[in-house]
Amino acid sequence: MVEERFLIDANSFIASYQNFYPFDIAPGFWEQLRNAMLKESVTVLDVVRAEILKGDDELSVWISKRS
């Protein structure tokens, strides 16, 4: 059986954080994403992580703790 692995781009994280799922409104979204990253069904490339870390916000703190 082939295991599915999803690559998420920086814009998916940034748009979710800024427009749709801020941490204070949708903590469950970020918890599910964290769990998927721990299970390695979601992978974040180094270049994506670097792009997110350029921001000085909660998202950059969140991603720095997760990868």
N, C-alpha and C. Protein backbone atom coordinates (compact mmCIF):
# COMPACT_ATOMS: atom_id res chain seq x y z
N MET A 1 0.83 -1.18 0.00
CA MET A 1 0.00 0.00 0.00
C MET A 1 0.88 1.25 0.00
N VAL A 2 0.53 2.20 -0.81
CA VAL A 2 1.27 3.45 -0.92
C VAL A 2 0.70 4.45 0.08
N GLU A 3 1.58 5.02 0.90
CA GLU A 3 1.17 6.03 1.86
C GLU A 3 1.10 7.38 1.18
N GLU A 4 0.00 8.10 1.38
CA GLU A 4 -0.11 9.43 0.81
C GLU A 4 0.65 10.43 1.68
N ARG A 5 1.32 11.34 1.02
CA ARG A 5 2.02 12.42 1.70
C ARG A 5 1.70 13.71 0.94
N PHE A 6 1.32 14.73 1.66
CA PHE A 6 0.93 15.99 1.05
C PHE A 6 1.97 17.06 1.34
N LEU A 7 2.31 17.83 0.32
CA LEU A 7 3.21 18.98 0.46
C LEU A 7 2.35 20.23 0.46
N ILE A 8 2.51 21.04 1.47
CA ILE A 8 1.73 22.27 1.59
C ILE A 8 2.63 23.45 1.26
N ASP A 9 2.15 24.34 0.40
CA ASP A 9 2.97 25.50 0.04
C ASP A 9 2.81 26.62 1.06
N ALA A 10 3.71 27.58 1.02
CA ALA A 10 3.72 28.67 1.99
C ALA A 10 2.42 29.47 1.95
N ASN A 11 1.89 29.71 0.76
CA ASN A 11 0.67 30.49 0.64
C ASN A 11 -0.50 29.81 1.34
N SER A 12 -0.55 28.50 1.33
CA SER A 12 -1.62 27.79 2.02
C SER A 12 -1.59 28.05 3.52
N PHE A 13 -0.40 28.08 4.08
CA PHE A 13 -0.26 28.40 5.50
C PHE A 13 -0.61 29.87 5.75
N ILE A 14 -0.03 30.76 4.95
CA ILE A 14 -0.18 32.19 5.18
C ILE A 14 -1.62 32.64 4.99
N ALA A 15 -2.25 32.22 3.90
CA ALA A 15 -3.64 32.60 3.64
C ALA A 15 -4.57 32.04 4.72
N SER A 16 -4.32 30.82 5.13
CA SER A 16 -5.14 30.23 6.20
C SER A 16 -5.02 31.04 7.47
N TYR A 17 -3.81 31.38 7.84
CA TYR A 17 -3.56 32.14 9.06
C TYR A 17 -4.16 33.55 8.98
N GLN A 18 -3.94 34.24 7.87
CA GLN A 18 -4.36 35.63 7.77
C GLN A 18 -5.85 35.81 7.47
N ASN A 19 -6.43 34.90 6.70
CA ASN A 19 -7.78 35.14 6.19
C ASN A 19 -8.87 34.21 6.70
N PHE A 20 -8.54 32.97 6.96
CA PHE A 20 -9.60 32.00 7.21
C PHE A 20 -9.56 31.36 8.58
N TYR A 21 -8.39 30.99 9.07
CA TYR A 21 -8.27 30.21 10.30
C TYR A 21 -7.25 30.80 11.27
N PRO A 22 -7.47 32.03 11.75
CA PRO A 22 -6.54 32.57 12.74
C PRO A 22 -6.49 31.67 13.97
N PHE A 23 -5.39 31.68 14.67
CA PHE A 23 -5.20 30.79 15.81
C PHE A 23 -6.28 30.95 16.87
N ASP A 24 -6.73 32.18 17.10
CA ASP A 24 -7.72 32.40 18.15
C ASP A 24 -9.13 31.98 17.76
N ILE A 25 -9.40 31.87 16.47
CA ILE A 25 -10.74 31.49 16.00
C ILE A 25 -10.84 30.00 15.67
N ALA A 26 -9.77 29.44 15.13
CA ALA A 26 -9.82 28.04 14.67
C ALA A 26 -8.61 27.24 15.17
N PRO A 27 -8.46 27.11 16.48
CA PRO A 27 -7.32 26.35 16.99
C PRO A 27 -7.35 24.89 16.56
N GLY A 28 -8.53 24.35 16.34
CA GLY A 28 -8.66 22.95 15.91
C GLY A 28 -8.03 22.70 14.54
N PHE A 29 -8.11 23.67 13.65
CA PHE A 29 -7.49 23.55 12.33
C PHE A 29 -5.99 23.35 12.49
N TRP A 30 -5.36 24.17 13.33
CA TRP A 30 -3.92 24.12 13.51
C TRP A 30 -3.50 22.87 14.27
N GLU A 31 -4.35 22.41 15.19
CA GLU A 31 -4.06 21.17 15.91
C GLU A 31 -4.09 19.97 14.95
N GLN A 32 -5.08 19.94 14.07
CA GLN A 32 -5.16 18.85 13.08
C GLN A 32 -3.97 18.90 12.13
N LEU A 33 -3.58 20.08 11.73
CA LEU A 33 -2.43 20.23 10.84
C LEU A 33 -1.16 19.77 11.55
N ARG A 34 -1.01 20.14 12.80
CA ARG A 34 0.15 19.70 13.59
C ARG A 34 0.18 18.18 13.69
N ASN A 35 -0.95 17.58 13.96
CA ASN A 35 -1.02 16.11 14.05
C ASN A 35 -0.67 15.45 12.72
N ALA A 36 -1.14 16.01 11.62
CA ALA A 36 -0.81 15.47 10.30
C ALA A 36 0.68 15.59 10.02
N MET A 37 1.29 16.68 10.49
CA MET A 37 2.73 16.85 10.30
C MET A 37 3.50 15.84 11.15
N LEU A 38 3.03 15.58 12.36
CA LEU A 38 3.68 14.59 13.22
C LEU A 38 3.60 13.19 12.63
N LYS A 39 2.47 12.88 11.99
CA LYS A 39 2.28 11.57 11.36
C LYS A 39 2.97 11.50 10.00
N GLU A 40 3.53 12.62 9.58
CA GLU A 40 4.22 12.75 8.30
C GLU A 40 3.30 12.52 7.10
N SER A 41 2.01 12.76 7.28
CA SER A 41 1.11 12.74 6.12
C SER A 41 1.10 14.12 5.46
N VAL A 42 1.58 15.12 6.19
CA VAL A 42 1.79 16.46 5.63
C VAL A 42 3.26 16.80 5.84
N THR A 43 3.90 17.24 4.78
CA THR A 43 5.32 17.59 4.82
C THR A 43 5.49 19.05 4.46
N VAL A 44 6.41 19.71 5.15
CA VAL A 44 6.72 21.11 4.87
C VAL A 44 8.16 21.16 4.38
N LEU A 45 8.34 21.61 3.16
CA LEU A 45 9.67 21.74 2.60
C LEU A 45 10.44 22.87 3.29
N ASP A 46 11.75 22.76 3.29
CA ASP A 46 12.60 23.78 3.92
C ASP A 46 12.35 25.17 3.34
N VAL A 47 12.15 25.25 2.05
CA VAL A 47 11.92 26.55 1.40
C VAL A 47 10.60 27.16 1.88
N VAL A 48 9.61 26.34 2.12
CA VAL A 48 8.31 26.81 2.63
C VAL A 48 8.48 27.32 4.06
N ARG A 49 9.16 26.53 4.86
CA ARG A 49 9.43 26.93 6.26
C ARG A 49 10.18 28.26 6.29
N ALA A 50 11.19 28.42 5.45
CA ALA A 50 11.97 29.65 5.40
C ALA A 50 11.10 30.85 5.02
N GLU A 51 10.21 30.66 4.09
CA GLU A 51 9.31 31.75 3.68
C GLU A 51 8.41 32.17 4.83
N ILE A 52 7.88 31.21 5.55
CA ILE A 52 7.00 31.53 6.68
C ILE A 52 7.78 32.20 7.81
N LEU A 53 9.00 31.77 8.03
CA LEU A 53 9.81 32.33 9.10
C LEU A 53 10.22 33.79 8.84
N LYS A 54 10.06 34.26 7.61
CA LYS A 54 10.34 35.67 7.31
C LYS A 54 9.36 36.60 8.01
N GLY A 55 8.18 36.08 8.31
CA GLY A 55 7.18 36.89 9.00
C GLY A 55 7.51 37.00 10.48
N ASP A 56 7.04 38.05 11.07
CA ASP A 56 7.22 38.24 12.51
C ASP A 56 5.83 38.17 13.13
N ASP A 57 5.29 36.96 13.20
CA ASP A 57 3.92 36.79 13.65
C ASP A 57 3.76 35.43 14.33
N GLU A 58 2.53 35.13 14.74
CA GLU A 58 2.24 33.86 15.40
C GLU A 58 2.52 32.66 14.50
N LEU A 59 2.27 32.83 13.20
CA LEU A 59 2.50 31.73 12.27
C LEU A 59 3.97 31.35 12.22
N SER A 60 4.85 32.34 12.21
CA SER A 60 6.28 32.02 12.17
C SER A 60 6.73 31.32 13.47
N VAL A 61 6.15 31.71 14.58
CA VAL A 61 6.45 31.04 15.86
C VAL A 61 5.94 29.61 15.82
N TRP A 62 4.71 29.44 15.32
CA TRP A 62 4.08 28.12 15.24
C TRP A 62 4.91 27.17 14.38
N ILE A 63 5.31 27.62 13.19
CA ILE A 63 6.05 26.74 12.29
C ILE A 63 7.45 26.45 12.83
N SER A 64 8.04 27.39 13.54
CA SER A 64 9.38 27.15 14.09
C SER A 64 9.37 26.05 15.15
N LYS A 65 8.25 25.87 15.80
CA LYS A 65 8.11 24.82 16.81
C LYS A 65 7.77 23.47 16.20
N ARG A 66 7.42 23.46 14.93
CA ARG A 66 6.92 22.24 14.31
C ARG A 66 7.85 21.62 13.29
N SER A 67 8.93 22.26 12.94
CA SER A 67 9.78 21.66 11.91
C SER A 67 11.25 21.94 12.18
